[in-house]
Structure formats: C-alpha cells, structure tokens
PDB file of all heavy atoms in Angstrom:
ATOM      1  N   LEU A   1      87.560  89.207 168.983  1.00  0.00           N
ATOM      2  CA  LEU A   1      87.368  88.301 170.099  1.00  0.00           C
ATOM      3  C   LEU A   1      88.484  88.227 171.116  1.00  0.00           C
ATOM      4  O   LEU A   1      88.305  88.333 172.400  1.00  0.00           O
ATOM      5  CB  LEU A   1      87.142  86.887 169.521  1.00  0.00           C
ATOM      6  CG  LEU A   1      86.864  85.741 170.590  1.00  0.00           C
ATOM      7  CD1 LEU A   1      85.583  86.014 171.319  1.00  0.00           C
ATOM      8  CD2 LEU A   1      86.759  84.413 169.900  1.00  0.00           C
ATOM      9  N   LEU A   2      89.744  88.253 170.598  1.00  0.00           N
ATOM     10  CA  LEU A   2      90.904  88.236 171.444  1.00  0.00           C
ATOM     11  C   LEU A   2      90.996  89.489 172.251  1.00  0.00           C
ATOM     12  O   LEU A   2      91.297  89.498 173.532  1.00  0.00           O
ATOM     13  CB  LEU A   2      92.216  87.987 170.710  1.00  0.00           C
ATOM     14  CG  LEU A   2      92.357  86.511 170.053  1.00  0.00           C
ATOM     15  CD1 LEU A   2      93.636  86.577 169.167  1.00  0.00           C
ATOM     16  CD2 LEU A   2      92.408  85.529 171.169  1.00  0.00           C
ATOM     17  N   VAL A   3      90.799  90.672 171.613  1.00  0.00           N
ATOM     18  CA  VAL A   3      90.890  91.963 172.328  1.00  0.00           C
ATOM     19  C   VAL A   3      89.740  92.052 173.338  1.00  0.00           C
ATOM     20  O   VAL A   3      90.021  92.548 174.495  1.00  0.00           O
ATOM     21  CB  VAL A   3      90.850  93.112 171.275  1.00  0.00           C
ATOM     22  CG1 VAL A   3      90.748  94.395 172.039  1.00  0.00           C
ATOM     23  CG2 VAL A   3      92.029  93.067 170.413  1.00  0.00           C
ATOM     24  N   GLU A   4      88.522  91.578 173.001  1.00  0.00           N
ATOM     25  CA  GLU A   4      87.437  91.646 173.994  1.00  0.00           C
ATOM     26  C   GLU A   4      87.711  90.816 175.178  1.00  0.00           C
ATOM     27  O   GLU A   4      87.534  91.271 176.334  1.00  0.00           O
ATOM     28  CB  GLU A   4      86.133  91.110 173.227  1.00  0.00           C
ATOM     29  CG  GLU A   4      85.595  92.014 172.175  1.00  0.00           C
ATOM     30  CD  GLU A   4      84.821  93.298 172.744  1.00  0.00           C
ATOM     31  OE1 GLU A   4      84.631  93.259 174.002  1.00  0.00           O
ATOM     32  OE2 GLU A   4      84.438  94.107 171.985  1.00  0.00           O
ATOM     33  N   VAL A   5      88.267  89.593 174.994  1.00  0.00           N
ATOM     34  CA  VAL A   5      88.573  88.720 176.150  1.00  0.00           C
ATOM     35  C   VAL A   5      89.665  89.356 177.027  1.00  0.00           C
ATOM     36  O   VAL A   5      89.524  89.415 178.223  1.00  0.00           O
ATOM     37  CB  VAL A   5      89.001  87.312 175.691  1.00  0.00           C
ATOM     38  CG1 VAL A   5      89.550  86.496 176.784  1.00  0.00           C
ATOM     39  CG2 VAL A   5      87.812  86.622 175.004  1.00  0.00           C
ATOM     40  N   PHE A   6      90.742  89.832 176.410  1.00  0.00           N
ATOM     41  CA  PHE A   6      91.847  90.408 177.140  1.00  0.00           C
ATOM     42  C   PHE A   6      91.392  91.687 177.848  1.00  0.00           C
ATOM     43  O   PHE A   6      91.703  91.888 178.967  1.00  0.00           O
ATOM     44  CB  PHE A   6      93.004  90.665 176.180  1.00  0.00           C
ATOM     45  CG  PHE A   6      94.173  91.348 176.860  1.00  0.00           C
ATOM     46  CD1 PHE A   6      95.061  90.606 177.659  1.00  0.00           C
ATOM     47  CD2 PHE A   6      94.387  92.688 176.812  1.00  0.00           C
ATOM     48  CE1 PHE A   6      96.111  91.195 178.275  1.00  0.00           C
ATOM     49  CE2 PHE A   6      95.449  93.375 177.453  1.00  0.00           C
ATOM     50  CZ  PHE A   6      96.329  92.560 178.116  1.00  0.00           C
ATOM     51  N   GLY A   7      90.626  92.580 177.178  1.00  0.00           N
ATOM     52  CA  GLY A   7      90.131  93.820 177.729  1.00  0.00           C
ATOM     53  C   GLY A   7      89.193  93.583 178.914  1.00  0.00           C
ATOM     54  O   GLY A   7      89.423  94.283 179.948  1.00  0.00           O
ATOM     55  N   LEU A   8      88.287  92.697 178.763  1.00  0.00           N
ATOM     56  CA  LEU A   8      87.299  92.419 179.848  1.00  0.00           C
ATOM     57  C   LEU A   8      88.006  91.768 181.039  1.00  0.00           C
ATOM     58  O   LEU A   8      87.695  92.075 182.209  1.00  0.00           O
ATOM     59  CB  LEU A   8      86.122  91.588 179.360  1.00  0.00           C
ATOM     60  CG  LEU A   8      85.281  92.283 178.334  1.00  0.00           C
ATOM     61  CD1 LEU A   8      84.157  91.268 177.799  1.00  0.00           C
ATOM     62  CD2 LEU A   8      84.562  93.452 178.833  1.00  0.00           C
ATOM     63  N   THR A   9      88.940  90.879 180.823  1.00  0.00           N
ATOM     64  CA  THR A   9      89.701  90.239 181.842  1.00  0.00           C
ATOM     65  C   THR A   9      90.534  91.323 182.683  1.00  0.00           C
ATOM     66  O   THR A   9      90.568  91.322 183.865  1.00  0.00           O
ATOM     67  CB  THR A   9      90.627  89.196 181.297  1.00  0.00           C
ATOM     68  OG1 THR A   9      89.853  88.150 180.543  1.00  0.00           O
ATOM     69  CG2 THR A   9      91.356  88.483 182.466  1.00  0.00           C
ATOM     70  N   TYR A  10      91.163  92.216 181.902  1.00  0.00           N
ATOM     71  CA  TYR A  10      91.929  93.251 182.514  1.00  0.00           C
ATOM     72  C   TYR A  10      90.982  94.142 183.363  1.00  0.00           C
ATOM     73  O   TYR A  10      91.397  94.576 184.485  1.00  0.00           O
ATOM     74  CB  TYR A  10      92.696  94.018 181.476  1.00  0.00           C
ATOM     75  CG  TYR A  10      93.527  95.164 182.065  1.00  0.00           C
ATOM     76  CD1 TYR A  10      94.715  94.964 182.605  1.00  0.00           C
ATOM     77  CD2 TYR A  10      93.060  96.468 182.018  1.00  0.00           C
ATOM     78  CE1 TYR A  10      95.456  96.015 183.222  1.00  0.00           C
ATOM     79  CE2 TYR A  10      93.685  97.518 182.556  1.00  0.00           C
ATOM     80  CZ  TYR A  10      94.944  97.293 183.096  1.00  0.00           C
ATOM     81  OH  TYR A  10      95.661  98.380 183.659  1.00  0.00           O
ATOM     82  N   ALA A  11      89.811  94.552 182.853  1.00  0.00           N
ATOM     83  CA  ALA A  11      88.956  95.356 183.509  1.00  0.00           C
ATOM     84  C   ALA A  11      88.488  94.727 184.789  1.00  0.00           C
ATOM     85  O   ALA A  11      88.337  95.390 185.878  1.00  0.00           O
ATOM     86  CB  ALA A  11      87.774  95.729 182.628  1.00  0.00           C
ATOM     87  N   TYR A  12      88.212  93.418 184.741  1.00  0.00           N
ATOM     88  CA  TYR A  12      87.744  92.691 185.917  1.00  0.00           C
ATOM     89  C   TYR A  12      88.848  92.711 187.064  1.00  0.00           C
ATOM     90  O   TYR A  12      88.503  93.037 188.202  1.00  0.00           O
ATOM     91  CB  TYR A  12      87.424  91.270 185.601  1.00  0.00           C
ATOM     92  CG  TYR A  12      87.237  90.377 186.739  1.00  0.00           C
ATOM     93  CD1 TYR A  12      86.071  90.412 187.554  1.00  0.00           C
ATOM     94  CD2 TYR A  12      88.176  89.343 187.099  1.00  0.00           C
ATOM     95  CE1 TYR A  12      85.911  89.621 188.686  1.00  0.00           C
ATOM     96  CE2 TYR A  12      87.977  88.587 188.269  1.00  0.00           C
ATOM     97  CZ  TYR A  12      86.900  88.671 189.010  1.00  0.00           C
ATOM     98  OH  TYR A  12      86.725  87.893 190.053  1.00  0.00           O
ATOM     99  N   PHE A  13      90.081  92.473 186.659  1.00  0.00           N
ATOM    100  CA  PHE A  13      91.142  92.419 187.696  1.00  0.00           C
ATOM    101  C   PHE A  13      91.423  93.829 188.189  1.00  0.00           C
ATOM    102  O   PHE A  13      91.786  94.019 189.347  1.00  0.00           O
ATOM    103  CB  PHE A  13      92.421  91.792 187.160  1.00  0.00           C
ATOM    104  CG  PHE A  13      92.319  90.289 187.096  1.00  0.00           C
ATOM    105  CD1 PHE A  13      92.170  89.643 185.920  1.00  0.00           C
ATOM    106  CD2 PHE A  13      92.409  89.501 188.233  1.00  0.00           C
ATOM    107  CE1 PHE A  13      92.100  88.269 185.833  1.00  0.00           C
ATOM    108  CE2 PHE A  13      92.323  88.138 188.275  1.00  0.00           C
ATOM    109  CZ  PHE A  13      92.176  87.526 187.027  1.00  0.00           C
ATOM    110  N   TRP A  14      91.275  94.842 187.315  1.00  0.00           N
ATOM    111  CA  TRP A  14      91.448  96.216 187.752  1.00  0.00           C
ATOM    112  C   TRP A  14      90.408  96.630 188.811  1.00  0.00           C
ATOM    113  O   TRP A  14      90.690  97.209 189.814  1.00  0.00           O
ATOM    114  CB  TRP A  14      91.374  97.171 186.497  1.00  0.00           C
ATOM    115  CG  TRP A  14      91.598  98.576 186.838  1.00  0.00           C
ATOM    116  CD1 TRP A  14      92.781  99.213 187.113  1.00  0.00           C
ATOM    117  CD2 TRP A  14      90.544  99.603 187.081  1.00  0.00           C
ATOM    118  NE1 TRP A  14      92.584 100.551 187.371  1.00  0.00           N
ATOM    119  CE2 TRP A  14      91.217 100.792 187.462  1.00  0.00           C
ATOM    120  CE3 TRP A  14      89.201  99.540 187.000  1.00  0.00           C
ATOM    121  CZ2 TRP A  14      90.585 101.960 187.681  1.00  0.00           C
ATOM    122  CZ3 TRP A  14      88.487 100.762 187.229  1.00  0.00           C
ATOM    123  CH2 TRP A  14      89.160 101.935 187.586  1.00  0.00           C
ATOM    124  N   LEU A  15      89.100  96.231 188.579  1.00  0.00           N
ATOM    125  CA  LEU A  15      88.095  96.530 189.518  1.00  0.00           C
ATOM    126  C   LEU A  15      88.422  95.825 190.834  1.00  0.00           C
ATOM    127  O   LEU A  15      88.139  96.424 191.916  1.00  0.00           O
ATOM    128  CB  LEU A  15      86.675  96.130 188.938  1.00  0.00           C
ATOM    129  CG  LEU A  15      86.148  97.037 187.809  1.00  0.00           C
ATOM    130  CD1 LEU A  15      84.866  96.339 187.284  1.00  0.00           C
ATOM    131  CD2 LEU A  15      85.882  98.421 188.300  1.00  0.00           C
ATOM    132  N   LYS A  16      88.789  94.544 190.714  1.00  0.00           N
ATOM    133  CA  LYS A  16      89.112  93.795 191.893  1.00  0.00           C
ATOM    134  C   LYS A  16      90.219  94.385 192.767  1.00  0.00           C
ATOM    135  O   LYS A  16      90.141  94.476 193.977  1.00  0.00           O
ATOM    136  CB  LYS A  16      89.385  92.366 191.489  1.00  0.00           C
ATOM    137  CG  LYS A  16      89.463  91.311 192.643  1.00  0.00           C
ATOM    138  CD  LYS A  16      89.665  89.951 192.111  1.00  0.00           C
ATOM    139  CE  LYS A  16      89.723  88.910 193.258  1.00  0.00           C
ATOM    140  NZ  LYS A  16      89.867  87.541 192.669  1.00  0.00           N
ATOM    141  N   ASN A  17      91.250  94.839 192.051  1.00  0.00           N
ATOM    142  CA  ASN A  17      92.374  95.400 192.732  1.00  0.00           C
ATOM    143  C   ASN A  17      92.009  96.756 193.368  1.00  0.00           C
ATOM    144  O   ASN A  17      92.522  97.099 194.382  1.00  0.00           O
ATOM    145  CB  ASN A  17      93.553  95.509 191.810  1.00  0.00           C
ATOM    146  CG  ASN A  17      94.164  94.189 191.393  1.00  0.00           C
ATOM    147  OD1 ASN A  17      94.108  93.217 192.160  1.00  0.00           O
ATOM    148  ND2 ASN A  17      94.802  94.130 190.230  1.00  0.00           N
ATOM    149  N   ARG A  18      91.161  97.566 192.618  1.00  0.00           N
ATOM    150  CA  ARG A  18      90.732  98.880 193.194  1.00  0.00           C
ATOM    151  C   ARG A  18      89.887  98.592 194.394  1.00  0.00           C
ATOM    152  O   ARG A  18      90.104  99.403 195.410  1.00  0.00           O
ATOM    153  CB  ARG A  18      89.960  99.593 192.126  1.00  0.00           C
ATOM    154  CG  ARG A  18      89.627 100.950 192.502  1.00  0.00           C
ATOM    155  CD  ARG A  18      88.635 101.634 191.510  1.00  0.00           C
ATOM    156  NE  ARG A  18      87.385 100.999 191.483  1.00  0.00           N
ATOM    157  CZ  ARG A  18      86.289 101.467 190.807  1.00  0.00           C
ATOM    158  NH1 ARG A  18      86.458 102.587 190.092  1.00  0.00           N
ATOM    159  NH2 ARG A  18      85.172 100.819 190.790  1.00  0.00           N
ATOM    160  N   GLU A  19      88.995  97.657 194.468  1.00  0.00           N
ATOM    161  CA  GLU A  19      88.214  97.340 195.595  1.00  0.00           C
ATOM    162  C   GLU A  19      89.115  96.945 196.811  1.00  0.00           C
ATOM    163  O   GLU A  19      88.842  97.366 197.910  1.00  0.00           O
ATOM    164  CB  GLU A  19      87.146  96.355 195.318  1.00  0.00           C
ATOM    165  CG  GLU A  19      86.249  96.042 196.499  1.00  0.00           C
ATOM    166  CD  GLU A  19      85.256  94.924 196.246  1.00  0.00           C
ATOM    167  OE1 GLU A  19      85.765  93.890 195.786  1.00  0.00           O
ATOM    168  OE2 GLU A  19      84.099  95.077 196.490  1.00  0.00           O
ATOM    169  N   ARG A  20      90.098  96.148 196.560  1.00  0.00           N
ATOM    170  CA  ARG A  20      90.966  95.642 197.624  1.00  0.00           C
ATOM    171  C   ARG A  20      91.813  96.815 198.193  1.00  0.00           C
ATOM    172  O   ARG A  20      91.948  96.917 199.382  1.00  0.00           O
ATOM    173  CB  ARG A  20      91.894  94.612 197.133  1.00  0.00           C
ATOM    174  CG  ARG A  20      92.824  94.129 198.226  1.00  0.00           C
ATOM    175  CD  ARG A  20      93.417  92.762 197.912  1.00  0.00           C
ATOM    176  NE  ARG A  20      94.144  92.185 198.988  1.00  0.00           N
ATOM    177  CZ  ARG A  20      94.402  90.910 199.183  1.00  0.00           C
ATOM    178  NH1 ARG A  20      94.124  90.060 198.192  1.00  0.00           N
ATOM    179  NH2 ARG A  20      95.036  90.489 200.160  1.00  0.00           N
ATOM    180  N   LYS A  21      92.211  97.723 197.344  1.00  0.00           N
ATOM    181  CA  LYS A  21      92.920  98.860 197.788  1.00  0.00           C
ATOM    182  C   LYS A  21      92.076  99.764 198.641  1.00  0.00           C
ATOM    183  O   LYS A  21      92.553 100.265 199.671  1.00  0.00           O
ATOM    184  CB  LYS A  21      93.460  99.694 196.558  1.00  0.00           C
ATOM    185  CG  LYS A  21      94.263 100.895 196.916  1.00  0.00           C
ATOM    186  CD  LYS A  21      94.690 101.580 195.691  1.00  0.00           C
ATOM    187  CE  LYS A  21      95.532 102.874 196.037  1.00  0.00           C
ATOM    188  NZ  LYS A  21      96.026 103.519 194.852  1.00  0.00           N
ATOM    189  N   HIS A  22      90.835 100.009 198.166  1.00  0.00           N
ATOM    190  CA  HIS A  22      89.921 100.783 199.105  1.00  0.00           C
ATOM    191  C   HIS A  22      89.634 100.036 200.429  1.00  0.00           C
ATOM    192  O   HIS A  22      89.543 100.765 201.412  1.00  0.00           O
ATOM    193  CB  HIS A  22      88.640 101.007 198.337  1.00  0.00           C
ATOM    194  CG  HIS A  22      88.737 101.924 197.180  1.00  0.00           C
ATOM    195  ND1 HIS A  22      87.774 102.053 196.213  1.00  0.00           N
ATOM    196  CD2 HIS A  22      89.773 102.772 196.739  1.00  0.00           C
ATOM    197  CE1 HIS A  22      88.143 102.984 195.337  1.00  0.00           C
ATOM    198  NE2 HIS A  22      89.415 103.408 195.643  1.00  0.00           N
ATOM    199  N   PHE A  23      89.526  98.771 200.397  1.00  0.00           N
ATOM    200  CA  PHE A  23      89.294  98.016 201.624  1.00  0.00           C
ATOM    201  C   PHE A  23      90.540  98.150 202.522  1.00  0.00           C
ATOM    202  O   PHE A  23      90.269  98.425 203.758  1.00  0.00           O
ATOM    203  CB  PHE A  23      89.078  96.518 201.256  1.00  0.00           C
ATOM    204  CG  PHE A  23      89.109  95.650 202.455  1.00  0.00           C
ATOM    205  CD1 PHE A  23      87.952  95.501 203.310  1.00  0.00           C
ATOM    206  CD2 PHE A  23      90.236  94.954 202.812  1.00  0.00           C
ATOM    207  CE1 PHE A  23      88.001  94.724 204.443  1.00  0.00           C
ATOM    208  CE2 PHE A  23      90.293  94.117 203.936  1.00  0.00           C
ATOM    209  CZ  PHE A  23      89.087  93.941 204.730  1.00  0.00           C
ATOM    210  N   GLU A  24      91.635  98.001 202.048  1.00  0.00           N
ATOM    211  CA  GLU A  24      92.844  98.078 202.944  1.00  0.00           C
ATOM    212  C   GLU A  24      92.964  99.554 203.462  1.00  0.00           C
ATOM    213  O   GLU A  24      93.668  99.669 204.553  1.00  0.00           O
ATOM    214  CB  GLU A  24      94.072  97.730 202.121  1.00  0.00           C
ATOM    215  CG  GLU A  24      94.121  96.188 201.780  1.00  0.00           C
ATOM    216  CD  GLU A  24      95.260  95.814 200.897  1.00  0.00           C
ATOM    217  OE1 GLU A  24      95.930  96.716 200.414  1.00  0.00           O
ATOM    218  OE2 GLU A  24      95.552  94.590 200.713  1.00  0.00           O
ATOM    219  N   GLU A  25      92.511 100.557 202.764  1.00  0.00           N
ATOM    220  CA  GLU A  25      92.625 101.886 203.331  1.00  0.00           C
ATOM    221  C   GLU A  25      91.570 102.158 204.360  1.00  0.00           C
ATOM    222  O   GLU A  25      91.804 102.919 205.260  1.00  0.00           O
ATOM    223  CB  GLU A  25      92.483 102.879 202.183  1.00  0.00           C
ATOM    224  CG  GLU A  25      93.688 102.878 201.163  1.00  0.00           C
ATOM    225  CD  GLU A  25      93.448 103.799 200.026  1.00  0.00           C
ATOM    226  OE1 GLU A  25      92.299 104.296 199.864  1.00  0.00           O
ATOM    227  OE2 GLU A  25      94.396 103.998 199.259  1.00  0.00           O
ATOM    228  N   SER A  26      90.412 101.495 204.212  1.00  0.00           N
ATOM    229  CA  SER A  26      89.287 101.884 205.142  1.00  0.00           C
ATOM    230  C   SER A  26      89.200 100.911 206.309  1.00  0.00           C
ATOM    231  O   SER A  26      88.705 101.340 207.415  1.00  0.00           O
ATOM    232  CB  SER A  26      87.952 101.846 204.372  1.00  0.00           C
ATOM    233  OG  SER A  26      87.992 102.815 203.315  1.00  0.00           O
ATOM    234  N   PHE A  27      89.576  99.746 206.140  1.00  0.00           N
ATOM    235  CA  PHE A  27      89.380  98.670 207.243  1.00  0.00           C
ATOM    236  C   PHE A  27      90.145  99.003 208.501  1.00  0.00           C
ATOM    237  O   PHE A  27      89.576  98.847 209.585  1.00  0.00           O
ATOM    238  CB  PHE A  27      89.807  97.342 206.689  1.00  0.00           C
ATOM    239  CG  PHE A  27      89.424  96.223 207.672  1.00  0.00           C
ATOM    240  CD1 PHE A  27      88.100  96.028 208.095  1.00  0.00           C
ATOM    241  CD2 PHE A  27      90.483  95.342 208.156  1.00  0.00           C
ATOM    242  CE1 PHE A  27      87.764  95.001 208.988  1.00  0.00           C
ATOM    243  CE2 PHE A  27      90.072  94.306 208.994  1.00  0.00           C
ATOM    244  CZ  PHE A  27      88.754  94.184 209.429  1.00  0.00           C
ATOM    245  N   PRO A  28      91.367  99.532 208.538  1.00  0.00           N
ATOM    246  CA  PRO A  28      92.027  99.893 209.798  1.00  0.00           C
ATOM    247  C   PRO A  28      91.222 101.013 210.500  1.00  0.00           C
ATOM    248  O   PRO A  28      91.150 101.028 211.735  1.00  0.00           O
ATOM    249  CB  PRO A  28      93.361 100.441 209.349  1.00  0.00           C
ATOM    250  CG  PRO A  28      93.626  99.704 208.095  1.00  0.00           C
ATOM    251  CD  PRO A  28      92.398  99.616 207.413  1.00  0.00           C
ATOM    252  N   ASP A  29      90.560 101.963 209.763  1.00  0.00           N
ATOM    253  CA  ASP A  29      89.754 102.913 210.413  1.00  0.00           C
ATOM    254  C   ASP A  29      88.494 102.332 211.081  1.00  0.00           C
ATOM    255  O   ASP A  29      88.114 102.732 212.175  1.00  0.00           O
ATOM    256  CB  ASP A  29      89.315 104.005 209.445  1.00  0.00           C
ATOM    257  CG  ASP A  29      90.509 104.788 208.829  1.00  0.00           C
ATOM    258  OD1 ASP A  29      91.525 104.916 209.499  1.00  0.00           O
ATOM    259  OD2 ASP A  29      90.422 105.195 207.648  1.00  0.00           O
ATOM    260  N   ALA A  30      87.946 101.328 210.412  1.00  0.00           N
ATOM    261  CA  ALA A  30      86.822 100.599 211.049  1.00  0.00           C
ATOM    262  C   ALA A  30      87.220  99.872 212.300  1.00  0.00           C
ATOM    263  O   ALA A  30      86.492  99.887 213.284  1.00  0.00           O
ATOM    264  CB  ALA A  30      86.271  99.589 209.998  1.00  0.00           C
ATOM    265  N   LEU A  31      88.387  99.274 212.259  1.00  0.00           N
ATOM    266  CA  LEU A  31      88.798  98.619 213.484  1.00  0.00           C
ATOM    267  C   LEU A  31      89.128  99.578 214.631  1.00  0.00           C
ATOM    268  O   LEU A  31      88.881  99.319 215.793  1.00  0.00           O
ATOM    269  CB  LEU A  31      90.164  97.801 213.129  1.00  0.00           C
ATOM    270  CG  LEU A  31      90.043  96.566 212.360  1.00  0.00           C
ATOM    271  CD1 LEU A  31      91.418  95.959 212.124  1.00  0.00           C
ATOM    272  CD2 LEU A  31      89.117  95.558 213.005  1.00  0.00           C
ATOM    273  N   ASN A  32      89.601 100.723 214.280  1.00  0.00           N
ATOM    274  CA  ASN A  32      89.863 101.796 215.263  1.00  0.00           C
ATOM    275  C   ASN A  32      88.541 102.260 215.884  1.00  0.00           C
ATOM    276  O   ASN A  32      88.477 102.379 217.187  1.00  0.00           O
ATOM    277  CB  ASN A  32      90.645 102.959 214.690  1.00  0.00           C
ATOM    278  CG  ASN A  32      91.124 103.944 215.694  1.00  0.00           C
ATOM    279  OD1 ASN A  32      91.337 103.623 216.852  1.00  0.00           O
ATOM    280  ND2 ASN A  32      91.369 105.120 215.256  1.00  0.00           N
ATOM    281  N   MET A  33      87.537 102.494 215.076  1.00  0.00           N
ATOM    282  CA  MET A  33      86.216 102.889 215.590  1.00  0.00           C
ATOM    283  C   MET A  33      85.635 101.754 216.454  1.00  0.00           C
ATOM    284  O   MET A  33      85.037 102.028 217.537  1.00  0.00           O
ATOM    285  CB  MET A  33      85.300 103.142 214.420  1.00  0.00           C
ATOM    286  CG  MET A  33      85.645 104.462 213.657  1.00  0.00           C
ATOM    287  SD  MET A  33      84.434 104.796 212.386  1.00  0.00           S
ATOM    288  CE  MET A  33      85.166 106.253 211.651  1.00  0.00           C
ATOM    289  N   LEU A  34      85.729 100.552 215.965  1.00  0.00           N
ATOM    290  CA  LEU A  34      85.156  99.402 216.737  1.00  0.00           C
ATOM    291  C   LEU A  34      85.819  99.239 218.061  1.00  0.00           C
ATOM    292  O   LEU A  34      85.182  99.036 219.083  1.00  0.00           O
ATOM    293  CB  LEU A  34      85.336  98.095 215.916  1.00  0.00           C
ATOM    294  CG  LEU A  34      84.606  96.911 216.464  1.00  0.00           C
ATOM    295  CD1 LEU A  34      83.127  97.069 216.469  1.00  0.00           C
ATOM    296  CD2 LEU A  34      85.042  95.625 215.669  1.00  0.00           C
ATOM    297  N   SER A  35      87.168  99.375 218.069  1.00  0.00           N
ATOM    298  CA  SER A  35      87.880  99.299 219.386  1.00  0.00           C
ATOM    299  C   SER A  35      87.540 100.411 220.316  1.00  0.00           C
ATOM    300  O   SER A  35      87.372 100.221 221.535  1.00  0.00           O
ATOM    301  CB  SER A  35      89.422  99.324 219.059  1.00  0.00           C
ATOM    302  OG  SER A  35      90.142  99.352 220.254  1.00  0.00           O
ATOM    303  N   SER A  36      87.291 101.591 219.774  1.00  0.00           N
ATOM    304  CA  SER A  36      86.914 102.722 220.666  1.00  0.00           C
ATOM    305  C   SER A  36      85.462 102.587 221.188  1.00  0.00           C
ATOM    306  O   SER A  36      85.237 102.848 222.348  1.00  0.00           O
ATOM    307  CB  SER A  36      86.942 103.979 219.747  1.00  0.00           C
ATOM    308  OG  SER A  36      88.242 104.294 219.340  1.00  0.00           O
ATOM    309  N   ALA A  37      84.626 101.990 220.387  1.00  0.00           N
ATOM    310  CA  ALA A  37      83.187 101.817 220.871  1.00  0.00           C
ATOM    311  C   ALA A  37      83.177 100.692 221.977  1.00  0.00           C
ATOM    312  O   ALA A  37      82.538 100.820 222.968  1.00  0.00           O
ATOM    313  CB  ALA A  37      82.374 101.403 219.687  1.00  0.00           C
ATOM    314  N   VAL A  38      84.005  99.607 221.746  1.00  0.00           N
ATOM    315  CA  VAL A  38      84.044  98.571 222.763  1.00  0.00           C
ATOM    316  C   VAL A  38      84.680  99.078 224.008  1.00  0.00           C
ATOM    317  O   VAL A  38      84.245  98.736 225.162  1.00  0.00           O
ATOM    318  CB  VAL A  38      84.828  97.329 222.188  1.00  0.00           C
ATOM    319  CG1 VAL A  38      85.092  96.254 223.275  1.00  0.00           C
ATOM    320  CG2 VAL A  38      83.997  96.750 221.047  1.00  0.00           C
TER     321      VAL A  38
END
C-alpha cells in the first residue's frame, strides 16, 4: 500500500512536470506565431 501510494504520487507529479516543461518550450513559439499573424 505504501509503495503504491508513493509510486502513483511520484508518477502524477512526473507527468505534471513533464507537461509543464513541454508547455514552456512550445508557448514562446506560439506567441511568436501569434504576434507575426497579428
């Protein structure tokens, strides 16, 4: 039970951090495209 709780919690935060990292890498490019289109 303890290992399951710790492992799933770690997996959740790992997925969350990975998504934020991808967002921070892609969002400036989106702003650049949006600024160019405007």
